Amino acid sequence: MIELIIGLCAGTLCTISFIPQIIKICRQKHARDLSLATFCILTGGILLWLVYGFIIGSIPIIVTNTIMALLSLMIVTLKLKYK
């Protein structure tokens, strides 16, 4: 049970770390300081973690990486939108 709690807490902190960046991009209407390649690679890694989570049946990995993938894809989309 402690593993589940630690996993969910760690995943939550990593996941919410994307939110300030998304807010900043939306407010400033630009993302020129962000590397598109970095966020594409990061999104690919997150998607692989999600697959891994399904393979091992880990709820913390599945839940947090699903949300992180959506947030990372949002940043990539905003980067392309404000290019």
PDB file of N, CA and C in Angstrom:
ATOM      1  N   MET A   1       0.817  -1.201   0.000  1.00  0.00           N
ATOM      2  CA  MET A   1       0.000   0.000   0.000  1.00  0.00           C
ATOM      3  C   MET A   1       0.859   1.263   0.000  1.00  0.00           C
ATOM      4  N   ILE A   2       1.972   1.238   0.732  1.00  0.00           N
ATOM      5  CA  ILE A   2       2.846   2.407   0.786  1.00  0.00           C
ATOM      6  C   ILE A   2       3.453   2.674  -0.589  1.00  0.00           C
ATOM      7  N   GLU A   3       3.713   1.602  -1.371  1.00  0.00           N
ATOM      8  CA  GLU A   3       4.239   1.768  -2.719  1.00  0.00           C
ATOM      9  C   GLU A   3       3.258   2.520  -3.598  1.00  0.00           C
ATOM     10  N   LEU A   4       1.976   2.213  -3.451  1.00  0.00           N
ATOM     11  CA  LEU A   4       0.929   2.881  -4.221  1.00  0.00           C
ATOM     12  C   LEU A   4       0.869   4.368  -3.870  1.00  0.00           C
ATOM     13  N   ILE A   5       0.926   4.676  -2.590  1.00  0.00           N
ATOM     14  CA  ILE A   5       0.863   6.073  -2.135  1.00  0.00           C
ATOM     15  C   ILE A   5       2.082   6.852  -2.630  1.00  0.00           C
ATOM     16  N   ILE A   6       3.262   6.269  -2.474  1.00  0.00           N
ATOM     17  CA  ILE A   6       4.483   6.941  -2.938  1.00  0.00           C
ATOM     18  C   ILE A   6       4.442   7.121  -4.460  1.00  0.00           C
ATOM     19  N   GLY A   7       4.013   6.106  -5.162  1.00  0.00           N
ATOM     20  CA  GLY A   7       3.908   6.187  -6.624  1.00  0.00           C
ATOM     21  C   GLY A   7       2.942   7.264  -7.073  1.00  0.00           C
ATOM     22  N   LEU A   8       1.792   7.338  -6.419  1.00  0.00           N
ATOM     23  CA  LEU A   8       0.807   8.362  -6.781  1.00  0.00           C
ATOM     24  C   LEU A   8       1.307   9.762  -6.440  1.00  0.00           C
ATOM     25  N   CYS A   9       1.970   9.912  -5.300  1.00  0.00           N
ATOM     26  CA  CYS A   9       2.524  11.229  -4.921  1.00  0.00           C
ATOM     27  C   CYS A   9       3.619  11.661  -5.898  1.00  0.00           C
ATOM     28  N   ALA A  10       4.525  10.762  -6.222  1.00  0.00           N
ATOM     29  CA  ALA A  10       5.602  11.083  -7.164  1.00  0.00           C
ATOM     30  C   ALA A  10       5.023  11.426  -8.530  1.00  0.00           C
ATOM     31  N   GLY A  11       4.089  10.646  -8.980  1.00  0.00           N
ATOM     32  CA  GLY A  11       3.463  10.890 -10.277  1.00  0.00           C
ATOM     33  C   GLY A  11       2.696  12.202 -10.313  1.00  0.00           C
ATOM     34  N   THR A  12       2.029  12.515  -9.218  1.00  0.00           N
ATOM     35  CA  THR A  12       1.274  13.767  -9.140  1.00  0.00           C
ATOM     36  C   THR A  12       2.208  14.964  -9.232  1.00  0.00           C
ATOM     37  N   LEU A  13       3.309  14.936  -8.498  1.00  0.00           N
ATOM     38  CA  LEU A  13       4.266  16.042  -8.552  1.00  0.00           C
ATOM     39  C   LEU A  13       4.851  16.204  -9.954  1.00  0.00           C
ATOM     40  N   CYS A  14       5.230  15.103 -10.586  1.00  0.00           N
ATOM     41  CA  CYS A  14       5.773  15.183 -11.947  1.00  0.00           C
ATOM     42  C   CYS A  14       4.716  15.692 -12.925  1.00  0.00           C
ATOM     43  N   THR A  15       3.493  15.253 -12.745  1.00  0.00           N
ATOM     44  CA  THR A  15       2.418  15.648 -13.645  1.00  0.00           C
ATOM     45  C   THR A  15       2.078  17.127 -13.527  1.00  0.00           C
ATOM     46  N   ILE A  16       1.947  17.621 -12.303  1.00  0.00           N
ATOM     47  CA  ILE A  16       1.564  19.029 -12.150  1.00  0.00           C
ATOM     48  C   ILE A  16       2.692  19.980 -12.540  1.00  0.00           C
ATOM     49  N   SER A  17       3.895  19.460 -12.707  1.00  0.00           N
ATOM     50  CA  SER A  17       5.007  20.326 -13.119  1.00  0.00           C
ATOM     51  C   SER A  17       4.800  20.885 -14.531  1.00  0.00           C
ATOM     52  N   PHE A  18       3.966  20.254 -15.320  1.00  0.00           N
ATOM     53  CA  PHE A  18       3.677  20.744 -16.671  1.00  0.00           C
ATOM     54  C   PHE A  18       2.724  21.947 -16.661  1.00  0.00           C
ATOM     55  N   ILE A  19       1.906  22.050 -15.661  1.00  0.00           N
ATOM     56  CA  ILE A  19       0.843  23.061 -15.648  1.00  0.00           C
ATOM     57  C   ILE A  19       1.370  24.497 -15.677  1.00  0.00           C
ATOM     58  N   PRO A  20       2.384  24.869 -14.878  1.00  0.00           N
ATOM     59  CA  PRO A  20       2.885  26.245 -14.979  1.00  0.00           C
ATOM     60  C   PRO A  20       3.395  26.598 -16.381  1.00  0.00           C
ATOM     61  N   GLN A  21       4.006  25.642 -17.064  1.00  0.00           N
ATOM     62  CA  GLN A  21       4.502  25.908 -18.420  1.00  0.00           C
ATOM     63  C   GLN A  21       3.346  26.147 -19.374  1.00  0.00           C
ATOM     64  N   ILE A  22       2.300  25.358 -19.264  1.00  0.00           N
ATOM     65  CA  ILE A  22       1.126  25.535 -20.122  1.00  0.00           C
ATOM     66  C   ILE A  22       0.483  26.891 -19.858  1.00  0.00           C
ATOM     67  N   ILE A  23       0.350  27.250 -18.609  1.00  0.00           N
ATOM     68  CA  ILE A  23      -0.234  28.551 -18.261  1.00  0.00           C
ATOM     69  C   ILE A  23       0.618  29.683 -18.839  1.00  0.00           C
ATOM     70  N   LYS A  24       1.928  29.568 -18.701  1.00  0.00           N
ATOM     71  CA  LYS A  24       2.826  30.609 -19.216  1.00  0.00           C
ATOM     72  C   LYS A  24       2.701  30.744 -20.731  1.00  0.00           C
ATOM     73  N   ILE A  25       2.657  29.641 -21.445  1.00  0.00           N
ATOM     74  CA  ILE A  25       2.518  29.682 -22.897  1.00  0.00           C
ATOM     75  C   ILE A  25       1.194  30.350 -23.282  1.00  0.00           C
ATOM     76  N   CYS A  26       0.114  29.980 -22.605  1.00  0.00           N
ATOM     77  CA  CYS A  26      -1.200  30.541 -22.929  1.00  0.00           C
ATOM     78  C   CYS A  26      -1.249  32.038 -22.639  1.00  0.00           C
ATOM     79  N   ARG A  27      -0.651  32.478 -21.564  1.00  0.00           N
ATOM     80  CA  ARG A  27      -0.654  33.902 -21.219  1.00  0.00           C
ATOM     81  C   ARG A  27       0.198  34.723 -22.176  1.00  0.00           C
ATOM     82  N   GLN A  28       1.380  34.213 -22.517  1.00  0.00           N
ATOM     83  CA  GLN A  28       2.313  34.962 -23.350  1.00  0.00           C
ATOM     84  C   GLN A  28       2.051  34.801 -24.845  1.00  0.00           C
ATOM     85  N   LYS A  29       1.269  33.807 -25.202  1.00  0.00           N
ATOM     86  CA  LYS A  29       0.947  33.519 -26.602  1.00  0.00           C
ATOM     87  C   LYS A  29       2.196  33.238 -27.446  1.00  0.00           C
ATOM     88  N   HIS A  30       3.191  32.643 -26.823  1.00  0.00           N
ATOM     89  CA  HIS A  30       4.368  32.175 -27.559  1.00  0.00           C
ATOM     90  C   HIS A  30       5.057  31.077 -26.753  1.00  0.00           C
ATOM     91  N   ALA A  31       5.812  30.284 -27.510  1.00  0.00           N
ATOM     92  CA  ALA A  31       6.563  29.189 -26.886  1.00  0.00           C
ATOM     93  C   ALA A  31       7.928  29.077 -27.541  1.00  0.00           C
ATOM     94  N   ARG A  32       8.456  30.210 -27.971  1.00  0.00           N
ATOM     95  CA  ARG A  32       9.714  30.190 -28.726  1.00  0.00           C
ATOM     96  C   ARG A  32      10.904  29.698 -27.912  1.00  0.00           C
ATOM     97  N   ASP A  33      10.829  29.791 -26.602  1.00  0.00           N
ATOM     98  CA  ASP A  33      11.950  29.355 -25.759  1.00  0.00           C
ATOM     99  C   ASP A  33      11.955  27.851 -25.508  1.00  0.00           C
ATOM    100  N   LEU A  34      10.927  27.170 -25.943  1.00  0.00           N
ATOM    101  CA  LEU A  34      10.841  25.724 -25.722  1.00  0.00           C
ATOM    102  C   LEU A  34      11.336  24.967 -26.939  1.00  0.00           C
ATOM    103  N   SER A  35      12.006  23.870 -26.702  1.00  0.00           N
ATOM    104  CA  SER A  35      12.489  23.014 -27.777  1.00  0.00           C
ATOM    105  C   SER A  35      11.398  22.022 -28.170  1.00  0.00           C
ATOM    106  N   LEU A  36      10.966  22.103 -29.422  1.00  0.00           N
ATOM    107  CA  LEU A  36       9.963  21.167 -29.919  1.00  0.00           C
ATOM    108  C   LEU A  36      10.504  19.739 -29.874  1.00  0.00           C
ATOM    109  N   ALA A  37      11.762  19.569 -30.263  1.00  0.00           N
ATOM    110  CA  ALA A  37      12.359  18.231 -30.248  1.00  0.00           C
ATOM    111  C   ALA A  37      12.350  17.632 -28.844  1.00  0.00           C
ATOM    112  N   THR A  38      12.685  18.444 -27.843  1.00  0.00           N
ATOM    113  CA  THR A  38      12.703  17.956 -26.464  1.00  0.00           C
ATOM    114  C   THR A  38      11.326  17.459 -26.050  1.00  0.00           C
ATOM    115  N   PHE A  39      10.292  18.237 -26.336  1.00  0.00           N
ATOM    116  CA  PHE A  39       8.948  17.837 -25.913  1.00  0.00           C
ATOM    117  C   PHE A  39       8.406  16.672 -26.732  1.00  0.00           C
ATOM    118  N   CYS A  40       8.816  16.541 -27.987  1.00  0.00           N
ATOM    119  CA  CYS A  40       8.418  15.364 -28.767  1.00  0.00           C
ATOM    120  C   CYS A  40       9.073  14.105 -28.208  1.00  0.00           C
ATOM    121  N   ILE A  41      10.356  14.187 -27.895  1.00  0.00           N
ATOM    122  CA  ILE A  41      11.061  13.047 -27.300  1.00  0.00           C
ATOM    123  C   ILE A  41      10.464  12.707 -25.934  1.00  0.00           C
ATOM    124  N   LEU A  42      10.206  13.735 -25.119  1.00  0.00           N
ATOM    125  CA  LEU A  42       9.606  13.530 -23.801  1.00  0.00           C
ATOM    126  C   LEU A  42       8.245  12.852 -23.926  1.00  0.00           C
ATOM    127  N   THR A  43       7.435  13.301 -24.874  1.00  0.00           N
ATOM    128  CA  THR A  43       6.115  12.705 -25.076  1.00  0.00           C
ATOM    129  C   THR A  43       6.248  11.235 -25.463  1.00  0.00           C
ATOM    130  N   GLY A  44       7.213  10.934 -26.334  1.00  0.00           N
ATOM    131  CA  GLY A  44       7.449   9.532 -26.693  1.00  0.00           C
ATOM    132  C   GLY A  44       7.827   8.691 -25.484  1.00  0.00           C
ATOM    133  N   GLY A  45       8.698   9.224 -24.636  1.00  0.00           N
ATOM    134  CA  GLY A  45       9.080   8.513 -23.414  1.00  0.00           C
ATOM    135  C   GLY A  45       7.899   8.301 -22.480  1.00  0.00           C
ATOM    136  N   ILE A  46       7.079   9.315 -22.336  1.00  0.00           N
ATOM    137  CA  ILE A  46       5.892   9.206 -21.476  1.00  0.00           C
ATOM    138  C   ILE A  46       4.952   8.131 -22.010  1.00  0.00           C
ATOM    139  N   LEU A  47       4.766   8.102 -23.324  1.00  0.00           N
ATOM    140  CA  LEU A  47       3.887   7.083 -23.910  1.00  0.00           C
ATOM    141  C   LEU A  47       4.436   5.676 -23.686  1.00  0.00           C
ATOM    142  N   LEU A  48       5.766   5.530 -23.743  1.00  0.00           N
ATOM    143  CA  LEU A  48       6.357   4.219 -23.449  1.00  0.00           C
ATOM    144  C   LEU A  48       6.177   3.841 -21.980  1.00  0.00           C
ATOM    145  N   TRP A  49       6.299   4.822 -21.074  1.00  0.00           N
ATOM    146  CA  TRP A  49       6.024   4.548 -19.655  1.00  0.00           C
ATOM    147  C   TRP A  49       4.570   4.114 -19.472  1.00  0.00           C
ATOM    148  N   LEU A  50       3.676   4.714 -20.232  1.00  0.00           N
ATOM    149  CA  LEU A  50       2.261   4.340 -20.151  1.00  0.00           C
ATOM    150  C   LEU A  50       2.072   2.891 -20.592  1.00  0.00           C
ATOM    151  N   VAL A  51       2.684   2.514 -21.695  1.00  0.00           N
ATOM    152  CA  VAL A  51       2.609   1.119 -22.152  1.00  0.00           C
ATOM    153  C   VAL A  51       3.183   0.185 -21.091  1.00  0.00           C
ATOM    154  N   TYR A  52       4.325   0.570 -20.536  1.00  0.00           N
ATOM    155  CA  TYR A  52       4.952  -0.225 -19.472  1.00  0.00           C
ATOM    156  C   TYR A  52       4.001  -0.368 -18.279  1.00  0.00           C
ATOM    157  N   GLY A  53       3.339   0.713 -17.915  1.00  0.00           N
ATOM    158  CA  GLY A  53       2.385   0.669 -16.806  1.00  0.00           C
ATOM    159  C   GLY A  53       1.281  -0.341 -17.048  1.00  0.00           C
ATOM    160  N   PHE A  54       0.783  -0.384 -18.297  1.00  0.00           N
ATOM    161  CA  PHE A  54      -0.256  -1.368 -18.626  1.00  0.00           C
ATOM    162  C   PHE A  54       0.302  -2.785 -18.572  1.00  0.00           C
ATOM    163  N   ILE A  55       1.524  -2.953 -19.040  1.00  0.00           N
ATOM    164  CA  ILE A  55       2.125  -4.293 -19.048  1.00  0.00           C
ATOM    165  C   ILE A  55       2.271  -4.834 -17.625  1.00  0.00           C
ATOM    166  N   ILE A  56       2.718  -3.982 -16.693  1.00  0.00           N
ATOM    167  CA  ILE A  56       2.921  -4.473 -15.328  1.00  0.00           C
ATOM    168  C   ILE A  56       1.697  -4.243 -14.438  1.00  0.00           C
ATOM    169  N   GLY A  57       0.686  -3.568 -14.965  1.00  0.00           N
ATOM    170  CA  GLY A  57      -0.545  -3.346 -14.210  1.00  0.00           C
ATOM    171  C   GLY A  57      -0.392  -2.366 -13.063  1.00  0.00           C
ATOM    172  N   SER A  58       0.405  -1.329 -13.257  1.00  0.00           N
ATOM    173  CA  SER A  58       0.654  -0.349 -12.197  1.00  0.00           C
ATOM    174  C   SER A  58      -0.256   0.863 -12.354  1.00  0.00           C
ATOM    175  N   ILE A  59      -1.205   0.996 -11.440  1.00  0.00           N
ATOM    176  CA  ILE A  59      -2.156   2.111 -11.478  1.00  0.00           C
ATOM    177  C   ILE A  59      -1.441   3.467 -11.412  1.00  0.00           C
ATOM    178  N   PRO A  60      -0.476   3.677 -10.509  1.00  0.00           N
ATOM    179  CA  PRO A  60       0.189   4.991 -10.480  1.00  0.00           C
ATOM    180  C   PRO A  60       0.860   5.348 -11.806  1.00  0.00           C
ATOM    181  N   ILE A  61       1.497   4.381 -12.432  1.00  0.00           N
ATOM    182  CA  ILE A  61       2.164   4.650 -13.705  1.00  0.00           C
ATOM    183  C   ILE A  61       1.138   4.925 -14.797  1.00  0.00           C
ATOM    184  N   ILE A  62       0.074   4.167 -14.830  1.00  0.00           N
ATOM    185  CA  ILE A  62      -0.958   4.353 -15.851  1.00  0.00           C
ATOM    186  C   ILE A  62      -1.636   5.708 -15.706  1.00  0.00           C
ATOM    187  N   VAL A  63      -2.077   6.026 -14.507  1.00  0.00           N
ATOM    188  CA  VAL A  63      -2.833   7.267 -14.285  1.00  0.00           C
ATOM    189  C   VAL A  63      -1.958   8.489 -14.540  1.00  0.00           C
ATOM    190  N   THR A  64      -0.799   8.533 -13.914  1.00  0.00           N
ATOM    191  CA  THR A  64       0.019   9.737 -14.035  1.00  0.00           C
ATOM    192  C   THR A  64       0.573   9.909 -15.442  1.00  0.00           C
ATOM    193  N   ASN A  65       0.949   8.833 -16.108  1.00  0.00           N
ATOM    194  CA  ASN A  65       1.489   8.975 -17.454  1.00  0.00           C
ATOM    195  C   ASN A  65       0.413   9.262 -18.495  1.00  0.00           C
ATOM    196  N   THR A  66      -0.804   8.860 -18.248  1.00  0.00           N
ATOM    197  CA  THR A  66      -1.903   9.255 -19.129  1.00  0.00           C
ATOM    198  C   THR A  66      -2.080  10.771 -19.072  1.00  0.00           C
ATOM    199  N   ILE A  67      -2.125  11.308 -17.868  1.00  0.00           N
ATOM    200  CA  ILE A  67      -2.288  12.760 -17.706  1.00  0.00           C
ATOM    201  C   ILE A  67      -1.061  13.501 -18.232  1.00  0.00           C
ATOM    202  N   MET A  68       0.137  12.991 -17.921  1.00  0.00           N
ATOM    203  CA  MET A  68       1.360  13.632 -18.410  1.00  0.00           C
ATOM    204  C   MET A  68       1.416  13.630 -19.938  1.00  0.00           C
ATOM    205  N   ALA A  69       0.981  12.561 -20.556  1.00  0.00           N
ATOM    206  CA  ALA A  69       0.973  12.499 -22.022  1.00  0.00           C
ATOM    207  C   ALA A  69       0.061  13.572 -22.591  1.00  0.00           C
ATOM    208  N   LEU A  70      -1.114  13.729 -21.994  1.00  0.00           N
ATOM    209  CA  LEU A  70      -2.046  14.759 -22.462  1.00  0.00           C
ATOM    210  C   LEU A  70      -1.454  16.158 -22.292  1.00  0.00           C
ATOM    211  N   LEU A  71      -0.841  16.409 -21.140  1.00  0.00           N
ATOM    212  CA  LEU A  71      -0.246  17.723 -20.897  1.00  0.00           C
ATOM    213  C   LEU A  71       0.948  17.973 -21.817  1.00  0.00           C
ATOM    214  N   SER A  72       1.762  16.963 -22.025  1.00  0.00           N
ATOM    215  CA  SER A  72       2.914  17.113 -22.907  1.00  0.00           C
ATOM    216  C   SER A  72       2.458  17.344 -24.350  1.00  0.00           C
ATOM    217  N   LEU A  73       1.438  16.615 -24.777  1.00  0.00           N
ATOM    218  CA  LEU A  73       0.883  16.839 -26.113  1.00  0.00           C
ATOM    219  C   LEU A  73       0.288  18.235 -26.238  1.00  0.00           C
ATOM    220  N   MET A  74      -0.276  18.747 -25.157  1.00  0.00           N
ATOM    221  CA  MET A  74      -0.804  20.103 -25.162  1.00  0.00           C
ATOM    222  C   MET A  74       0.323  21.109 -25.384  1.00  0.00           C
ATOM    223  N   ILE A  75       1.454  20.902 -24.721  1.00  0.00           N
ATOM    224  CA  ILE A  75       2.600  21.792 -24.900  1.00  0.00           C
ATOM    225  C   ILE A  75       3.113  21.710 -26.339  1.00  0.00           C
ATOM    226  N   VAL A  76       3.211  20.523 -26.897  1.00  0.00           N
ATOM    227  CA  VAL A  76       3.640  20.377 -28.287  1.00  0.00           C
ATOM    228  C   VAL A  76       2.665  21.099 -29.212  1.00  0.00           C
ATOM    229  N   THR A  77       1.373  20.939 -28.972  1.00  0.00           N
ATOM    230  CA  THR A  77       0.353  21.601 -29.780  1.00  0.00           C
ATOM    231  C   THR A  77       0.473  23.118 -29.682  1.00  0.00           C
ATOM    232  N   LEU A  78       0.644  23.621 -28.480  1.00  0.00           N
ATOM    233  CA  LEU A  78       0.806  25.068 -28.287  1.00  0.00           C
ATOM    234  C   LEU A  78       2.085  25.582 -28.936  1.00  0.00           C
ATOM    235  N   LYS A  79       3.141  24.798 -28.868  1.00  0.00           N
ATOM    236  CA  LYS A  79       4.405  25.166 -29.504  1.00  0.00           C
ATOM    237  C   LYS A  79       4.192  25.318 -31.011  1.00  0.00           C
ATOM    238  N   LEU A  80       3.483  24.380 -31.603  1.00  0.00           N
ATOM    239  CA  LEU A  80       3.209  24.439 -33.041  1.00  0.00           C
ATOM    240  C   LEU A  80       2.241  25.574 -33.382  1.00  0.00           C
ATOM    241  N   LYS A  81       1.282  25.809 -32.527  1.00  0.00           N
ATOM    242  CA  LYS A  81       0.304  26.866 -32.753  1.00  0.00           C
ATOM    243  C   LYS A  81       0.961  28.247 -32.747  1.00  0.00           C
ATOM    244  N   TYR A  82       1.855  28.483 -31.808  1.00  0.00           N
ATOM    245  CA  TYR A  82       2.477  29.795 -31.658  1.00  0.00           C
ATOM    246  C   TYR A  82       3.850  29.873 -32.328  1.00  0.00           C
ATOM    247  N   LYS A  83       4.089  29.001 -33.296  1.00  0.00           N
ATOM    248  CA  LYS A  83       5.383  28.935 -33.977  1.00  0.00           C
ATOM    249  C   LYS A  83       5.688  30.223 -34.723  1.00  0.00           C
TER     250      LYS A  83
END
